[in-house]
Amino acid sequence: MLDAIGPYEVLRNVKGAEIKFVSKEKGEISADSQFIHLNSKYSIDEVEEADILLIPGSTIAFIREMKDKKVLAWIKKINATTKKTVSVCTGSIILAATGLLDGKKATSHWKPIQLLSQFGAIPTRERFIEQGKFITAAGVSAGIDMAIYLVSQLAGEKAAKAAQLSIEYDPKPMYNSGNFLEAEPEVIELSEKIMSIDAKKDLSLWDMLKHAKTIMKLNK
């Protein structure tokens, strides 16, 4: 849920911004946890253009979206109208599945990042990466960093700083374990176990995951 709400809290502070939550079918959208819900007021059939398209990810449901031809076709159609097309976490894999990131560097959540290469993108472990009008952000919280940068590009440095202050975004993490490249092996293992619990909540997708060797592969 933070993939969408984090950037929203930043971007809504931009003067004149009109933000729409859009899904394949409008209505209630459940987070991976099945605990928090978001009301999507627009279906993809109702939105024809956007200045900015932001694609959030998920723990495992992104697998369904990256295979959905209607969703991918809509992303390509909207991308033709955007100034910026951006993603958070595994949203970059959905974006890559359209072919729009072919030959471009992109990042994603550390667990499935190598899936990007299946769609011609170049997996790169960075907080966020800009390639032309495309910006991809790593897992979950990186979307906030990306959104602040996006505001600086759209409205200037002062506006970005004001948006950052509005949400009092001043991270000082207790532990230096938020980066895959710096995390201890046992911490990575525990994190994988935690994520697998979320994944198993959707048994059909979990079964797909177990049989997809490329998804299970880690770039350690």
N, C-alpha and C. Protein backbone atom coordinates (compact mmCIF):
# COMPACT_ATOMS: atom_id res chain seq x y z
N MET A 1 0.82 -1.20 0.00
CA MET A 1 0.00 0.00 0.00
C MET A 1 0.86 1.26 0.00
N LEU A 2 2.00 1.19 0.68
CA LEU A 2 2.88 2.35 0.73
C LEU A 2 3.46 2.69 -0.63
N ASP A 3 3.54 1.72 -1.54
CA ASP A 3 4.00 1.99 -2.91
C ASP A 3 3.18 3.11 -3.54
N ALA A 4 1.88 3.11 -3.25
CA ALA A 4 0.99 4.12 -3.82
C ALA A 4 0.81 5.32 -2.89
N ILE A 5 0.61 5.05 -1.60
CA ILE A 5 0.29 6.12 -0.66
C ILE A 5 1.49 7.00 -0.34
N GLY A 6 2.70 6.43 -0.28
CA GLY A 6 3.90 7.22 -0.02
C GLY A 6 4.07 8.33 -1.04
N PRO A 7 4.15 7.99 -2.33
CA PRO A 7 4.27 9.04 -3.35
C PRO A 7 3.05 9.98 -3.37
N TYR A 8 1.87 9.44 -3.11
CA TYR A 8 0.67 10.28 -3.07
C TYR A 8 0.80 11.38 -2.04
N GLU A 9 1.30 11.05 -0.85
CA GLU A 9 1.43 12.04 0.21
C GLU A 9 2.42 13.15 -0.17
N VAL A 10 3.37 12.82 -1.03
CA VAL A 10 4.32 13.82 -1.52
C VAL A 10 3.69 14.64 -2.64
N LEU A 11 3.15 13.95 -3.63
CA LEU A 11 2.67 14.62 -4.84
C LEU A 11 1.42 15.46 -4.59
N ARG A 12 0.63 15.10 -3.60
CA ARG A 12 -0.59 15.87 -3.35
C ARG A 12 -0.28 17.27 -2.83
N ASN A 13 0.96 17.49 -2.41
CA ASN A 13 1.36 18.80 -1.92
C ASN A 13 1.82 19.73 -3.04
N VAL A 14 1.79 19.24 -4.27
CA VAL A 14 2.15 20.08 -5.41
C VAL A 14 0.93 20.89 -5.83
N LYS A 15 1.10 22.19 -5.93
CA LYS A 15 0.00 23.09 -6.27
C LYS A 15 -0.62 22.71 -7.62
N GLY A 16 -1.92 22.53 -7.62
CA GLY A 16 -2.63 22.23 -8.86
C GLY A 16 -2.68 20.77 -9.22
N ALA A 17 -2.08 19.92 -8.42
CA ALA A 17 -2.06 18.50 -8.75
C ALA A 17 -3.44 17.87 -8.58
N GLU A 18 -3.84 17.09 -9.55
CA GLU A 18 -5.08 16.32 -9.48
C GLU A 18 -4.71 14.84 -9.59
N ILE A 19 -4.92 14.13 -8.51
CA ILE A 19 -4.47 12.73 -8.45
C ILE A 19 -5.66 11.78 -8.52
N LYS A 20 -5.53 10.78 -9.35
CA LYS A 20 -6.58 9.77 -9.49
C LYS A 20 -5.99 8.39 -9.20
N PHE A 21 -6.70 7.61 -8.41
CA PHE A 21 -6.34 6.22 -8.20
C PHE A 21 -7.13 5.40 -9.22
N VAL A 22 -6.38 4.65 -10.04
CA VAL A 22 -6.98 3.94 -11.15
C VAL A 22 -6.62 2.46 -11.05
N SER A 23 -7.57 1.60 -11.34
CA SER A 23 -7.31 0.15 -11.34
C SER A 23 -8.06 -0.49 -12.51
N LYS A 24 -7.79 -1.74 -12.75
CA LYS A 24 -8.43 -2.41 -13.89
C LYS A 24 -9.94 -2.28 -13.78
N GLU A 25 -10.45 -2.49 -12.59
CA GLU A 25 -11.87 -2.29 -12.31
C GLU A 25 -11.97 -1.42 -11.08
N LYS A 26 -12.76 -0.36 -11.13
CA LYS A 26 -12.84 0.54 -9.98
C LYS A 26 -13.54 -0.14 -8.81
N GLY A 27 -13.21 0.35 -7.62
CA GLY A 27 -13.78 -0.25 -6.42
C GLY A 27 -12.71 -0.47 -5.37
N GLU A 28 -12.99 -1.33 -4.45
CA GLU A 28 -12.09 -1.57 -3.32
C GLU A 28 -10.90 -2.44 -3.74
N ILE A 29 -9.71 -1.95 -3.42
CA ILE A 29 -8.48 -2.67 -3.69
C ILE A 29 -7.84 -3.05 -2.35
N SER A 30 -7.52 -4.33 -2.18
CA SER A 30 -6.93 -4.79 -0.93
C SER A 30 -5.41 -4.81 -1.01
N ALA A 31 -4.77 -4.41 0.07
CA ALA A 31 -3.31 -4.51 0.17
C ALA A 31 -2.91 -5.98 0.29
N ASP A 32 -1.61 -6.26 0.13
CA ASP A 32 -1.12 -7.62 0.25
C ASP A 32 -1.50 -8.23 1.60
N SER A 33 -1.54 -7.39 2.63
CA SER A 33 -1.84 -7.86 3.98
C SER A 33 -3.30 -8.26 4.14
N GLN A 34 -4.15 -7.84 3.19
CA GLN A 34 -5.59 -8.03 3.25
C GLN A 34 -6.23 -7.26 4.41
N PHE A 35 -5.48 -6.35 5.00
CA PHE A 35 -5.96 -5.61 6.17
C PHE A 35 -6.37 -4.19 5.81
N ILE A 36 -5.62 -3.56 4.89
CA ILE A 36 -5.90 -2.18 4.48
C ILE A 36 -6.51 -2.20 3.08
N HIS A 37 -7.46 -1.30 2.87
CA HIS A 37 -8.14 -1.24 1.57
C HIS A 37 -8.12 0.19 1.03
N LEU A 38 -8.05 0.30 -0.27
CA LEU A 38 -8.04 1.59 -0.94
C LEU A 38 -9.19 1.63 -1.94
N ASN A 39 -9.90 2.74 -1.98
CA ASN A 39 -11.02 2.88 -2.90
C ASN A 39 -10.54 3.50 -4.21
N SER A 40 -10.51 2.70 -5.25
CA SER A 40 -10.13 3.19 -6.58
C SER A 40 -11.38 3.70 -7.28
N LYS A 41 -11.43 4.99 -7.54
CA LYS A 41 -12.64 5.59 -8.10
C LYS A 41 -12.71 5.53 -9.62
N TYR A 42 -11.62 5.10 -10.25
CA TYR A 42 -11.59 5.07 -11.71
C TYR A 42 -11.10 3.72 -12.23
N SER A 43 -11.71 3.26 -13.29
CA SER A 43 -11.21 2.08 -13.97
C SER A 43 -10.32 2.53 -15.12
N ILE A 44 -9.52 1.62 -15.63
CA ILE A 44 -8.62 1.99 -16.72
C ILE A 44 -9.40 2.37 -17.99
N ASP A 45 -10.66 1.96 -18.07
CA ASP A 45 -11.48 2.32 -19.22
C ASP A 45 -11.91 3.78 -19.18
N GLU A 46 -11.76 4.41 -18.00
CA GLU A 46 -12.23 5.79 -17.83
C GLU A 46 -11.12 6.82 -17.91
N VAL A 47 -9.89 6.38 -17.99
CA VAL A 47 -8.75 7.31 -18.01
C VAL A 47 -7.98 7.14 -19.32
N GLU A 48 -7.85 8.23 -20.05
CA GLU A 48 -7.24 8.18 -21.39
C GLU A 48 -5.85 8.81 -21.43
N GLU A 49 -5.51 9.64 -20.44
CA GLU A 49 -4.23 10.34 -20.48
C GLU A 49 -3.81 10.74 -19.08
N ALA A 50 -2.54 11.08 -18.93
CA ALA A 50 -2.01 11.54 -17.65
C ALA A 50 -0.68 12.23 -17.88
N ASP A 51 -0.41 13.24 -17.08
CA ASP A 51 0.92 13.86 -17.13
C ASP A 51 1.95 12.96 -16.48
N ILE A 52 1.51 12.30 -15.39
CA ILE A 52 2.38 11.36 -14.68
C ILE A 52 1.62 10.06 -14.46
N LEU A 53 2.24 8.97 -14.81
CA LEU A 53 1.68 7.65 -14.52
C LEU A 53 2.59 6.98 -13.50
N LEU A 54 2.04 6.61 -12.36
CA LEU A 54 2.80 5.93 -11.32
C LEU A 54 2.25 4.52 -11.15
N ILE A 55 3.13 3.54 -11.26
CA ILE A 55 2.73 2.13 -11.17
C ILE A 55 3.31 1.53 -9.88
N PRO A 56 2.47 1.22 -8.90
CA PRO A 56 2.95 0.60 -7.66
C PRO A 56 3.14 -0.90 -7.85
N GLY A 57 3.78 -1.53 -6.89
CA GLY A 57 4.00 -2.96 -6.97
C GLY A 57 3.26 -3.72 -5.88
N SER A 58 3.74 -4.92 -5.60
CA SER A 58 3.13 -5.76 -4.57
C SER A 58 4.12 -6.86 -4.23
N THR A 59 3.80 -7.62 -3.20
CA THR A 59 4.68 -8.72 -2.81
C THR A 59 4.72 -9.81 -3.87
N ILE A 60 3.54 -10.16 -4.37
CA ILE A 60 3.49 -11.24 -5.36
C ILE A 60 2.43 -11.05 -6.43
N ALA A 61 1.40 -10.24 -6.15
CA ALA A 61 0.31 -10.07 -7.12
C ALA A 61 0.76 -9.40 -8.41
N PHE A 62 1.96 -8.78 -8.40
CA PHE A 62 2.47 -8.17 -9.63
C PHE A 62 2.60 -9.20 -10.74
N ILE A 63 2.74 -10.46 -10.38
CA ILE A 63 2.86 -11.53 -11.39
C ILE A 63 1.61 -11.58 -12.25
N ARG A 64 0.46 -11.39 -11.60
CA ARG A 64 -0.80 -11.39 -12.34
C ARG A 64 -0.86 -10.19 -13.29
N GLU A 65 -0.46 -9.03 -12.79
CA GLU A 65 -0.55 -7.82 -13.60
C GLU A 65 0.42 -7.83 -14.78
N MET A 66 1.61 -8.41 -14.57
CA MET A 66 2.59 -8.39 -15.66
C MET A 66 2.20 -9.33 -16.79
N LYS A 67 1.16 -10.15 -16.57
CA LYS A 67 0.67 -11.05 -17.61
C LYS A 67 -0.67 -10.61 -18.16
N ASP A 68 -1.20 -9.50 -17.63
CA ASP A 68 -2.52 -9.03 -18.03
C ASP A 68 -2.40 -8.13 -19.26
N LYS A 69 -2.82 -8.63 -20.41
CA LYS A 69 -2.65 -7.90 -21.67
C LYS A 69 -3.42 -6.58 -21.69
N LYS A 70 -4.58 -6.55 -21.04
CA LYS A 70 -5.37 -5.32 -21.02
C LYS A 70 -4.67 -4.24 -20.20
N VAL A 71 -4.13 -4.63 -19.05
CA VAL A 71 -3.42 -3.69 -18.20
C VAL A 71 -2.16 -3.17 -18.91
N LEU A 72 -1.41 -4.07 -19.52
CA LEU A 72 -0.18 -3.67 -20.21
C LEU A 72 -0.48 -2.75 -21.39
N ALA A 73 -1.55 -3.04 -22.11
CA ALA A 73 -1.92 -2.19 -23.24
C ALA A 73 -2.32 -0.79 -22.75
N TRP A 74 -3.01 -0.73 -21.61
CA TRP A 74 -3.41 0.57 -21.06
C TRP A 74 -2.19 1.38 -20.62
N ILE A 75 -1.22 0.71 -20.00
CA ILE A 75 0.01 1.40 -19.58
C ILE A 75 0.71 2.00 -20.79
N LYS A 76 0.80 1.27 -21.86
CA LYS A 76 1.46 1.76 -23.07
C LYS A 76 0.69 2.94 -23.66
N LYS A 77 -0.64 2.87 -23.62
CA LYS A 77 -1.46 3.96 -24.16
C LYS A 77 -1.27 5.23 -23.33
N ILE A 78 -1.32 5.10 -22.01
CA ILE A 78 -1.16 6.27 -21.15
C ILE A 78 0.26 6.81 -21.23
N ASN A 79 1.24 5.92 -21.33
CA ASN A 79 2.64 6.35 -21.44
C ASN A 79 2.85 7.28 -22.63
N ALA A 80 2.09 7.06 -23.69
CA ALA A 80 2.22 7.90 -24.89
C ALA A 80 1.80 9.34 -24.62
N THR A 81 1.11 9.58 -23.49
CA THR A 81 0.63 10.92 -23.16
C THR A 81 1.39 11.56 -22.00
N THR A 82 2.27 10.81 -21.34
CA THR A 82 2.88 11.29 -20.10
C THR A 82 4.12 12.14 -20.31
N LYS A 83 4.39 12.96 -19.29
CA LYS A 83 5.68 13.63 -19.19
C LYS A 83 6.67 12.74 -18.44
N LYS A 84 6.14 12.02 -17.46
CA LYS A 84 6.94 11.08 -16.68
C LYS A 84 6.12 9.81 -16.44
N THR A 85 6.77 8.67 -16.60
CA THR A 85 6.17 7.39 -16.24
C THR A 85 7.08 6.77 -15.18
N VAL A 86 6.53 6.50 -14.00
CA VAL A 86 7.35 6.08 -12.87
C VAL A 86 6.76 4.84 -12.21
N SER A 87 7.61 4.16 -11.44
CA SER A 87 7.15 2.96 -10.75
C SER A 87 7.81 2.86 -9.39
N VAL A 88 7.19 2.06 -8.55
CA VAL A 88 7.72 1.78 -7.21
C VAL A 88 7.74 0.27 -7.02
N CYS A 89 8.84 -0.22 -6.46
CA CYS A 89 8.97 -1.64 -6.12
C CYS A 89 8.77 -2.50 -7.38
N THR A 90 7.97 -3.55 -7.29
CA THR A 90 7.76 -4.45 -8.42
C THR A 90 6.88 -3.85 -9.51
N GLY A 91 6.43 -2.62 -9.30
CA GLY A 91 5.75 -1.93 -10.38
C GLY A 91 6.64 -1.79 -11.61
N SER A 92 7.96 -1.77 -11.39
CA SER A 92 8.88 -1.68 -12.53
C SER A 92 8.84 -2.94 -13.39
N ILE A 93 8.54 -4.07 -12.77
CA ILE A 93 8.46 -5.32 -13.54
C ILE A 93 7.21 -5.31 -14.41
N ILE A 94 6.12 -4.77 -13.87
CA ILE A 94 4.90 -4.61 -14.67
C ILE A 94 5.20 -3.67 -15.85
N LEU A 95 5.87 -2.56 -15.55
CA LEU A 95 6.23 -1.60 -16.59
C LEU A 95 7.15 -2.24 -17.62
N ALA A 96 8.14 -3.00 -17.17
CA ALA A 96 9.07 -3.66 -18.08
C ALA A 96 8.36 -4.65 -18.99
N ALA A 97 7.31 -5.29 -18.48
CA ALA A 97 6.57 -6.29 -19.26
C ALA A 97 5.89 -5.68 -20.48
N THR A 98 5.74 -4.36 -20.49
CA THR A 98 5.18 -3.69 -21.67
C THR A 98 6.20 -3.52 -22.78
N GLY A 99 7.49 -3.71 -22.44
CA GLY A 99 8.56 -3.50 -23.40
C GLY A 99 9.11 -2.08 -23.38
N LEU A 100 8.52 -1.21 -22.58
CA LEU A 100 8.93 0.20 -22.57
C LEU A 100 10.29 0.43 -21.92
N LEU A 101 10.76 -0.54 -21.13
CA LEU A 101 12.07 -0.38 -20.48
C LEU A 101 13.17 -1.18 -21.20
N ASP A 102 12.87 -1.65 -22.37
CA ASP A 102 13.85 -2.43 -23.12
C ASP A 102 15.14 -1.63 -23.33
N GLY A 103 16.27 -2.20 -22.87
CA GLY A 103 17.56 -1.55 -23.04
C GLY A 103 17.85 -0.47 -22.02
N LYS A 104 16.92 -0.26 -21.09
CA LYS A 104 17.10 0.80 -20.08
C LYS A 104 17.42 0.20 -18.71
N LYS A 105 18.21 0.93 -17.93
CA LYS A 105 18.47 0.52 -16.56
C LYS A 105 17.19 0.72 -15.73
N ALA A 106 16.98 -0.21 -14.81
CA ALA A 106 15.80 -0.10 -13.95
C ALA A 106 16.08 -0.80 -12.63
N THR A 107 15.36 -0.37 -11.61
CA THR A 107 15.50 -1.01 -10.31
C THR A 107 14.14 -1.52 -9.85
N SER A 108 14.16 -2.27 -8.76
CA SER A 108 12.94 -2.85 -8.22
C SER A 108 13.24 -3.34 -6.81
N HIS A 109 12.31 -4.02 -6.21
CA HIS A 109 12.57 -4.64 -4.91
C HIS A 109 13.71 -5.65 -5.07
N TRP A 110 14.54 -5.79 -4.04
CA TRP A 110 15.74 -6.61 -4.16
C TRP A 110 15.45 -8.08 -4.44
N LYS A 111 14.30 -8.59 -4.01
CA LYS A 111 14.02 -10.02 -4.18
C LYS A 111 13.81 -10.43 -5.64
N PRO A 112 12.89 -9.77 -6.37
CA PRO A 112 12.63 -10.21 -7.74
C PRO A 112 13.28 -9.34 -8.81
N ILE A 113 14.27 -8.53 -8.46
CA ILE A 113 14.82 -7.55 -9.40
C ILE A 113 15.33 -8.18 -10.70
N GLN A 114 15.82 -9.42 -10.62
CA GLN A 114 16.36 -10.03 -11.83
C GLN A 114 15.30 -10.33 -12.89
N LEU A 115 14.02 -10.31 -12.48
CA LEU A 115 12.96 -10.51 -13.47
C LEU A 115 12.96 -9.43 -14.54
N LEU A 116 13.50 -8.27 -14.21
CA LEU A 116 13.54 -7.18 -15.18
C LEU A 116 14.26 -7.58 -16.47
N SER A 117 15.28 -8.42 -16.32
CA SER A 117 16.07 -8.82 -17.48
C SER A 117 15.26 -9.67 -18.46
N GLN A 118 14.20 -10.31 -17.99
CA GLN A 118 13.36 -11.11 -18.89
C GLN A 118 12.63 -10.24 -19.90
N PHE A 119 12.52 -8.96 -19.59
CA PHE A 119 11.79 -8.04 -20.46
C PHE A 119 12.71 -7.00 -21.09
N GLY A 120 14.01 -7.29 -21.10
CA GLY A 120 14.96 -6.43 -21.80
C GLY A 120 15.50 -5.27 -21.00
N ALA A 121 15.03 -5.10 -19.77
CA ALA A 121 15.56 -4.03 -18.91
C ALA A 121 16.86 -4.49 -18.27
N ILE A 122 17.63 -3.55 -17.76
CA ILE A 122 18.92 -3.86 -17.15
C ILE A 122 18.79 -3.69 -15.63
N PRO A 123 18.71 -4.80 -14.87
CA PRO A 123 18.54 -4.70 -13.42
C PRO A 123 19.71 -3.96 -12.77
N THR A 124 19.41 -2.94 -11.99
CA THR A 124 20.43 -2.11 -11.36
C THR A 124 19.99 -1.78 -9.94
N ARG A 125 20.82 -2.12 -8.97
CA ARG A 125 20.44 -1.90 -7.57
C ARG A 125 20.77 -0.47 -7.15
N GLU A 126 19.78 0.40 -7.30
CA GLU A 126 19.87 1.79 -6.87
C GLU A 126 18.57 2.16 -6.16
N ARG A 127 18.61 3.26 -5.38
CA ARG A 127 17.41 3.71 -4.68
C ARG A 127 16.33 4.08 -5.70
N PHE A 128 16.69 4.85 -6.70
CA PHE A 128 15.82 5.08 -7.86
C PHE A 128 16.70 5.44 -9.04
N ILE A 129 16.19 5.19 -10.23
CA ILE A 129 16.95 5.38 -11.46
C ILE A 129 16.10 6.13 -12.47
N GLU A 130 16.67 7.14 -13.09
CA GLU A 130 15.99 7.90 -14.13
C GLU A 130 16.60 7.57 -15.48
N GLN A 131 15.76 7.20 -16.42
CA GLN A 131 16.18 6.90 -17.79
C GLN A 131 15.22 7.61 -18.74
N GLY A 132 15.61 8.77 -19.21
CA GLY A 132 14.68 9.54 -20.01
C GLY A 132 13.50 9.98 -19.16
N LYS A 133 12.30 9.70 -19.63
CA LYS A 133 11.13 10.10 -18.84
C LYS A 133 10.70 9.01 -17.86
N PHE A 134 11.44 7.90 -17.83
CA PHE A 134 11.10 6.81 -16.92
C PHE A 134 11.92 6.90 -15.63
N ILE A 135 11.25 6.74 -14.50
CA ILE A 135 11.93 6.68 -13.21
C ILE A 135 11.41 5.45 -12.48
N THR A 136 12.31 4.56 -12.11
CA THR A 136 11.93 3.39 -11.34
C THR A 136 12.55 3.48 -9.96
N ALA A 137 11.77 3.14 -8.95
CA ALA A 137 12.24 3.18 -7.56
C ALA A 137 12.30 1.77 -7.00
N ALA A 138 13.19 1.56 -6.06
CA ALA A 138 13.34 0.25 -5.43
C ALA A 138 12.15 0.00 -4.49
N GLY A 139 12.32 -0.89 -3.53
CA GLY A 139 11.21 -1.35 -2.72
C GLY A 139 10.54 -0.31 -1.84
N VAL A 140 9.23 -0.29 -1.88
CA VAL A 140 8.31 0.39 -0.98
C VAL A 140 8.72 1.82 -0.61
N SER A 141 9.55 1.99 0.41
CA SER A 141 9.87 3.32 0.92
C SER A 141 10.65 4.16 -0.08
N ALA A 142 11.32 3.52 -1.03
CA ALA A 142 12.07 4.27 -2.05
C ALA A 142 11.14 5.12 -2.90
N GLY A 143 9.87 4.78 -2.92
CA GLY A 143 8.91 5.56 -3.67
C GLY A 143 8.78 6.98 -3.15
N ILE A 144 8.99 7.17 -1.85
CA ILE A 144 8.93 8.51 -1.27
C ILE A 144 10.10 9.35 -1.78
N ASP A 145 11.30 8.77 -1.79
CA ASP A 145 12.47 9.47 -2.31
C ASP A 145 12.26 9.85 -3.77
N MET A 146 11.75 8.88 -4.53
CA MET A 146 11.51 9.12 -5.95
C MET A 146 10.50 10.25 -6.15
N ALA A 147 9.44 10.27 -5.34
CA ALA A 147 8.40 11.28 -5.48
C ALA A 147 8.93 12.68 -5.16
N ILE A 148 9.79 12.78 -4.15
CA ILE A 148 10.39 14.07 -3.81
C ILE A 148 11.26 14.56 -4.96
N TYR A 149 12.03 13.66 -5.55
CA TYR A 149 12.84 14.01 -6.71
C TYR A 149 11.93 14.44 -7.87
N LEU A 150 10.84 13.74 -8.05
CA LEU A 150 9.91 14.06 -9.13
C LEU A 150 9.33 15.46 -8.96
N VAL A 151 8.99 15.83 -7.71
CA VAL A 151 8.47 17.17 -7.45
C VAL A 151 9.53 18.22 -7.79
N SER A 152 10.79 17.92 -7.48
CA SER A 152 11.86 18.88 -7.80
C SER A 152 11.96 19.11 -9.29
N GLN A 153 11.70 18.06 -10.08
CA GLN A 153 11.76 18.18 -11.53
C GLN A 153 10.56 18.94 -12.09
N LEU A 154 9.42 18.78 -11.44
CA LEU A 154 8.19 19.37 -11.94
C LEU A 154 7.96 20.79 -11.44
N ALA A 155 8.34 21.05 -10.19
CA ALA A 155 7.98 22.33 -9.57
C ALA A 155 9.16 23.05 -8.92
N GLY A 156 10.35 22.47 -8.98
CA GLY A 156 11.52 23.14 -8.42
C GLY A 156 11.92 22.65 -7.04
N GLU A 157 13.13 23.04 -6.66
CA GLU A 157 13.71 22.55 -5.41
C GLU A 157 12.91 22.98 -4.17
N LYS A 158 12.48 24.24 -4.15
CA LYS A 158 11.75 24.71 -2.97
C LYS A 158 10.45 23.94 -2.78
N ALA A 159 9.76 23.67 -3.87
CA ALA A 159 8.51 22.91 -3.79
C ALA A 159 8.78 21.49 -3.28
N ALA A 160 9.88 20.90 -3.73
CA ALA A 160 10.23 19.55 -3.27
C ALA A 160 10.56 19.55 -1.79
N LYS A 161 11.30 20.57 -1.36
CA LYS A 161 11.65 20.66 0.06
C LYS A 161 10.39 20.87 0.91
N ALA A 162 9.47 21.68 0.41
CA ALA A 162 8.23 21.93 1.14
C ALA A 162 7.38 20.66 1.24
N ALA A 163 7.34 19.89 0.14
CA ALA A 163 6.60 18.63 0.15
C ALA A 163 7.21 17.65 1.15
N GLN A 164 8.54 17.64 1.19
CA GLN A 164 9.25 16.77 2.13
C GLN A 164 8.95 17.17 3.57
N LEU A 165 8.96 18.47 3.83
CA LEU A 165 8.69 18.95 5.18
C LEU A 165 7.24 18.70 5.58
N SER A 166 6.34 18.79 4.62
CA SER A 166 4.92 18.59 4.91
C SER A 166 4.65 17.20 5.49
N ILE A 167 5.42 16.22 5.06
CA ILE A 167 5.24 14.87 5.61
C ILE A 167 6.32 14.55 6.65
N GLU A 168 7.12 15.56 6.98
CA GLU A 168 8.21 15.43 7.95
C GLU A 168 9.07 14.20 7.65
N TYR A 169 9.48 14.12 6.41
CA TYR A 169 10.29 12.99 5.97
C TYR A 169 11.76 13.26 6.28
N ASP A 170 12.23 12.71 7.36
CA ASP A 170 13.59 12.93 7.83
C ASP A 170 14.13 11.61 8.38
N PRO A 171 14.29 10.62 7.52
CA PRO A 171 14.60 9.27 8.00
C PRO A 171 15.99 9.14 8.63
N LYS A 172 15.99 8.55 9.78
CA LYS A 172 17.24 8.20 10.46
C LYS A 172 17.07 6.79 11.02
N PRO A 173 17.22 5.78 10.18
CA PRO A 173 16.92 4.41 10.60
C PRO A 173 17.80 3.92 11.73
N MET A 174 17.19 3.14 12.59
CA MET A 174 17.91 2.60 13.74
C MET A 174 19.01 1.63 13.30
N TYR A 175 18.72 0.87 12.24
CA TYR A 175 19.68 -0.13 11.77
C TYR A 175 20.05 0.12 10.31
N ASN A 176 21.24 -0.25 9.94
CA ASN A 176 21.71 -0.12 8.57
C ASN A 176 21.43 -1.42 7.81
N SER A 177 20.15 -1.79 7.77
CA SER A 177 19.79 -3.05 7.13
C SER A 177 18.74 -2.87 6.05
N GLY A 178 18.51 -1.63 5.65
CA GLY A 178 17.50 -1.36 4.64
C GLY A 178 17.99 -1.48 3.22
N ASN A 179 19.27 -1.82 3.05
CA ASN A 179 19.85 -1.98 1.73
C ASN A 179 20.31 -3.42 1.56
N PHE A 180 19.83 -4.08 0.51
CA PHE A 180 20.15 -5.49 0.30
C PHE A 180 21.66 -5.74 0.26
N LEU A 181 22.40 -4.83 -0.33
CA LEU A 181 23.84 -5.01 -0.49
C LEU A 181 24.59 -4.90 0.83
N GLU A 182 23.93 -4.33 1.85
CA GLU A 182 24.59 -4.15 3.15
C GLU A 182 24.00 -5.02 4.25
N ALA A 183 22.87 -5.65 3.97
CA ALA A 183 22.19 -6.46 4.98
C ALA A 183 22.95 -7.77 5.25
N GLU A 184 22.89 -8.23 6.48
CA GLU A 184 23.54 -9.48 6.86
C GLU A 184 22.78 -10.67 6.29
N PRO A 185 23.48 -11.74 5.93
CA PRO A 185 22.83 -12.91 5.32
C PRO A 185 21.65 -13.45 6.13
N GLU A 186 21.80 -13.52 7.45
CA GLU A 186 20.71 -14.05 8.27
C GLU A 186 19.51 -13.11 8.29
N VAL A 187 19.76 -11.81 8.14
CA VAL A 187 18.66 -10.84 8.07
C VAL A 187 17.92 -11.00 6.75
N ILE A 188 18.66 -11.22 5.66
CA ILE A 188 18.05 -11.46 4.35
C ILE A 188 17.18 -12.71 4.41
N GLU A 189 17.70 -13.76 5.05
CA GLU A 189 16.96 -15.01 5.15
C GLU A 189 15.65 -14.82 5.92
N LEU A 190 15.72 -14.08 7.02
CA LEU A 190 14.52 -13.84 7.82
C LEU A 190 13.52 -13.00 7.03
N SER A 191 14.01 -12.00 6.30
CA SER A 191 13.14 -11.16 5.50
C SER A 191 12.42 -11.98 4.43
N GLU A 192 13.14 -12.91 3.83
CA GLU A 192 12.52 -13.77 2.81
C GLU A 192 11.40 -14.60 3.42
N LYS A 193 11.60 -15.08 4.63
CA LYS A 193 10.56 -15.88 5.29
C LYS A 193 9.33 -15.04 5.56
N ILE A 194 9.54 -13.80 5.98
CA ILE A 194 8.42 -12.90 6.25
C ILE A 194 7.63 -12.64 4.97
N MET A 195 8.35 -12.39 3.88
CA MET A 195 7.67 -12.10 2.61
C MET A 195 6.94 -13.32 2.07
N SER A 196 7.48 -14.51 2.33
CA SER A 196 6.83 -15.72 1.83
C SER A 196 5.48 -15.94 2.51
N ILE A 197 5.36 -15.48 3.74
CA ILE A 197 4.09 -15.58 4.45
C ILE A 197 3.02 -14.75 3.75
N ASP A 198 3.40 -13.53 3.35
CA ASP A 198 2.47 -12.68 2.60
C ASP A 198 2.13 -13.32 1.26
N ALA A 199 3.13 -13.88 0.62
CA ALA A 199 2.93 -14.47 -0.71
C ALA A 199 1.95 -15.64 -0.65
N LYS A 200 2.03 -16.42 0.38
CA LYS A 200 1.19 -17.61 0.49
C LYS A 200 -0.28 -17.29 0.72
N LYS A 201 -0.58 -16.02 1.03
CA LYS A 201 -1.98 -15.63 1.20
C LYS A 201 -2.74 -15.73 -0.11
N ASP A 202 -2.03 -15.67 -1.21
CA ASP A 202 -2.64 -15.90 -2.51
C ASP A 202 -2.04 -17.18 -3.05
N LEU A 203 -2.68 -18.31 -2.76
CA LEU A 203 -2.10 -19.62 -3.04
C LEU A 203 -1.88 -19.86 -4.53
N SER A 204 -2.76 -19.32 -5.38
CA SER A 204 -2.59 -19.54 -6.81
C SER A 204 -1.31 -18.89 -7.30
N LEU A 205 -1.04 -17.67 -6.80
CA LEU A 205 0.18 -16.99 -7.22
C LEU A 205 1.40 -17.59 -6.54
N TRP A 206 1.24 -18.06 -5.31
CA TRP A 206 2.35 -18.70 -4.62
C TRP A 206 2.79 -19.94 -5.38
N ASP A 207 1.83 -20.68 -5.93
CA ASP A 207 2.16 -21.88 -6.70
C ASP A 207 2.95 -21.49 -7.95
N MET A 208 2.55 -20.38 -8.58
CA MET A 208 3.29 -19.88 -9.74
C MET A 208 4.72 -19.52 -9.34
N LEU A 209 4.84 -18.91 -8.18
CA LEU A 209 6.14 -18.47 -7.71
C LEU A 209 7.07 -19.66 -7.47
N LYS A 210 6.56 -20.72 -6.88
CA LYS A 210 7.37 -21.90 -6.57
C LYS A 210 7.92 -22.55 -7.83
N HIS A 211 7.19 -22.40 -8.92
CA HIS A 211 7.61 -23.06 -10.15
C HIS A 211 8.32 -22.12 -11.12
N ALA A 212 8.56 -20.91 -10.69
CA ALA A 212 9.28 -19.95 -11.54
C ALA A 212 10.69 -19.77 -11.00
N LYS A 213 11.64 -20.48 -11.52
CA LYS A 213 13.00 -20.46 -11.00
C LYS A 213 13.63 -19.07 -11.10
N THR A 214 13.28 -18.34 -12.15
CA THR A 214 13.89 -17.03 -12.31
C THR A 214 13.43 -16.06 -11.23
N ILE A 215 12.20 -16.26 -10.74
CA ILE A 215 11.69 -15.39 -9.68
C ILE A 215 12.37 -15.70 -8.36
N MET A 216 12.68 -16.96 -8.13
CA MET A 216 13.29 -17.38 -6.88
C MET A 216 14.78 -17.06 -6.84
N LYS A 217 15.36 -16.83 -7.99
CA LYS A 217 16.79 -16.58 -8.03
C LYS A 217 17.17 -15.25 -7.39
N LEU A 218 18.15 -15.27 -6.54
CA LEU A 218 18.62 -14.05 -5.90
C LEU A 218 19.98 -13.65 -6.48
N ASN A 219 20.16 -12.39 -6.68
CA ASN A 219 21.46 -11.91 -7.16
C ASN A 219 22.27 -11.45 -5.96
N LYS A 220 22.91 -12.37 -5.29
CA LYS A 220 23.67 -12.06 -4.06
C LYS A 220 25.12 -11.73 -4.40
